[in-house]
Protein backbone atom coordinates (compact mmCIF):
# COMPACT_ATOMS: atom_id res chain seq x y z
CA UNK A 1 -39.91 -55.46 -9.96
CA UNK A 2 -38.50 -56.10 -6.60
CA UNK A 3 -35.60 -53.94 -5.14
CA UNK A 4 -32.95 -57.00 -5.42
CA UNK A 5 -33.56 -57.44 -8.97
CA UNK A 6 -33.07 -53.59 -9.42
CA UNK A 7 -29.91 -53.90 -7.21
CA UNK A 8 -28.73 -57.05 -9.56
CA UNK A 9 -29.36 -54.66 -12.86
CA UNK A 10 -27.74 -51.86 -11.58
CA UNK A 11 -24.55 -53.75 -10.58
CA UNK A 12 -24.34 -55.70 -14.04
CA UNK A 13 -24.50 -52.08 -15.50
CA UNK A 14 -22.36 -49.99 -12.78
CA UNK A 15 -19.76 -52.99 -11.68
CA UNK A 16 -19.95 -55.75 -8.98
CA UNK A 17 -18.35 -53.43 -6.44
CA UNK A 18 -21.19 -50.89 -6.69
CA UNK A 19 -22.15 -50.52 -2.56
CA UNK A 20 -26.26 -49.55 -2.19
CA UNK A 21 -27.00 -47.32 0.66
CA UNK A 22 -29.46 -48.88 3.35
CA UNK A 23 -32.64 -46.70 2.07
CA UNK A 24 -32.42 -48.39 -1.26
CA UNK A 25 -34.85 -51.29 -0.83
CA UNK A 26 -37.33 -49.69 0.99
CA UNK A 27 -37.14 -46.46 -1.71
CA UNK A 28 -37.13 -48.85 -4.95
CA UNK A 29 -39.76 -50.83 -4.10
CA UNK A 30 -42.19 -47.59 -3.74
CA UNK A 31 -41.31 -46.58 -6.91
CA UNK A 32 -43.25 -47.40 -9.74
CA UNK A 33 -42.07 -50.30 -12.54
CA UNK A 34 -41.62 -47.24 -15.06
CA UNK A 35 -39.52 -45.49 -12.45
CA UNK A 36 -37.52 -48.01 -11.64
CA UNK A 37 -36.88 -48.84 -15.71
CA UNK A 38 -35.95 -45.17 -15.97
CA UNK A 39 -33.54 -45.32 -13.06
CA UNK A 40 -32.12 -48.36 -15.18
CA UNK A 41 -31.88 -46.71 -18.42
CA UNK A 42 -30.50 -43.32 -16.61
CA UNK A 43 -27.46 -45.37 -14.68
CA UNK A 44 -26.64 -47.08 -18.11
CA UNK A 45 -26.06 -43.40 -19.87
CA UNK A 46 -24.27 -42.77 -17.05
CA UNK A 47 -21.76 -45.54 -17.56
CA UNK A 48 -21.64 -44.75 -21.24
CA UNK A 49 -20.78 -41.23 -20.64
CA UNK A 50 -24.08 -39.65 -22.18
CA UNK A 51 -24.98 -37.82 -18.33
CA UNK A 52 -23.64 -34.98 -17.27
CA UNK A 53 -22.24 -35.25 -13.59
CA UNK A 54 -19.55 -33.13 -12.18
CA UNK A 55 -16.18 -33.21 -9.91
CA UNK A 56 -17.20 -32.11 -6.42
CA UNK A 57 -16.50 -28.59 -5.09
CA UNK A 58 -14.83 -29.72 -1.95
CA UNK A 59 -10.90 -30.48 -2.09
CA UNK A 60 -11.00 -33.74 -0.73
CA UNK A 61 -13.60 -35.29 -3.14
CA UNK A 62 -11.76 -34.12 -6.19
CA UNK A 63 -10.76 -37.81 -7.33
CA UNK A 64 -14.90 -38.59 -7.49
CA UNK A 65 -17.34 -38.08 -10.23
CA UNK A 66 -21.42 -37.44 -9.25
CA UNK A 67 -24.17 -37.95 -10.77
CA UNK A 68 -27.52 -36.69 -9.67
CA UNK A 69 -30.98 -36.76 -10.45
CA UNK A 70 -34.76 -36.80 -9.34
CA UNK A 71 -36.88 -40.08 -10.01
CA UNK A 72 -40.11 -38.87 -8.46
CA UNK A 73 -41.54 -36.15 -6.59
CA UNK A 74 -39.89 -36.83 -3.25
CA UNK A 75 -37.18 -39.43 -4.77
CA UNK A 76 -33.30 -38.74 -5.41
CA UNK A 77 -30.41 -40.72 -6.55
CA UNK A 78 -26.53 -40.01 -5.99
CA UNK A 79 -24.64 -42.00 -8.36
CA UNK A 80 -20.72 -41.80 -7.47
CA UNK A 81 -17.70 -43.11 -9.50
CA UNK A 82 -13.68 -42.87 -9.13
CA UNK A 83 -12.75 -40.46 -11.95
CA UNK A 84 -11.40 -42.58 -14.70
CA UNK A 85 -11.96 -45.70 -13.00
CA UNK A 86 -15.41 -47.55 -11.47
CA UNK A 87 -18.74 -46.48 -10.12
CA UNK A 88 -18.72 -47.11 -6.48
CA UNK A 89 -21.68 -46.12 -4.46
CA UNK A 90 -25.14 -45.59 -5.61
CA UNK A 91 -27.94 -43.79 -3.20
CA UNK A 92 -31.56 -43.84 -3.39
CA UNK A 93 -33.34 -41.76 -1.14
CA UNK A 94 -35.62 -39.18 -0.13
CA UNK A 95 -34.95 -35.45 -0.18
CA UNK A 96 -33.24 -34.98 3.19
CA UNK A 97 -30.27 -37.52 2.42
CA UNK A 98 -29.83 -36.28 -1.34
CA UNK A 99 -29.36 -32.64 0.56
CA UNK A 100 -27.16 -34.00 3.14
CA UNK A 101 -25.25 -35.40 -0.03
CA UNK A 102 -25.48 -32.51 -1.84
CA UNK A 103 -23.94 -30.43 1.39
CA UNK A 104 -20.84 -33.69 2.08
CA UNK A 105 -20.23 -32.85 -1.74
CA UNK A 106 -19.92 -29.04 -1.47
CA UNK A 107 -22.77 -28.45 -3.89
CA UNK A 108 -24.84 -26.70 -1.48
CA UNK A 109 -26.32 -25.60 2.10
CA UNK A 110 -28.65 -27.93 3.26
CA UNK A 111 -32.36 -26.32 3.11
CA UNK A 112 -32.91 -28.52 6.60
CA UNK A 113 -29.85 -26.64 8.51
CA UNK A 114 -31.77 -23.16 7.56
CA UNK A 115 -29.38 -22.68 5.12
């Protein structure tokens, strides 16, 4: 499945105002079709409140609800929504950006920075 088709499917599920990170397309192209379908189904379950997410530990992000998922050995997904509202962002990336996102929202210190 090409990345534009994957973007359209995710926007249909999660809302038209969904923003994608700039690494989304090249990362999506590397995924096998089964992994892309797994991503779509996971997003559907997130939308239906069947997946566990969490409120970030940092106070400035307490209005958000975040879901994390490992898709392939080196591909991670971060899905962000405003609590009791719409999904706003999806990040499909390698481990470094995933680590940076977890650090930004207060979940951990990045292993890339000696922490």
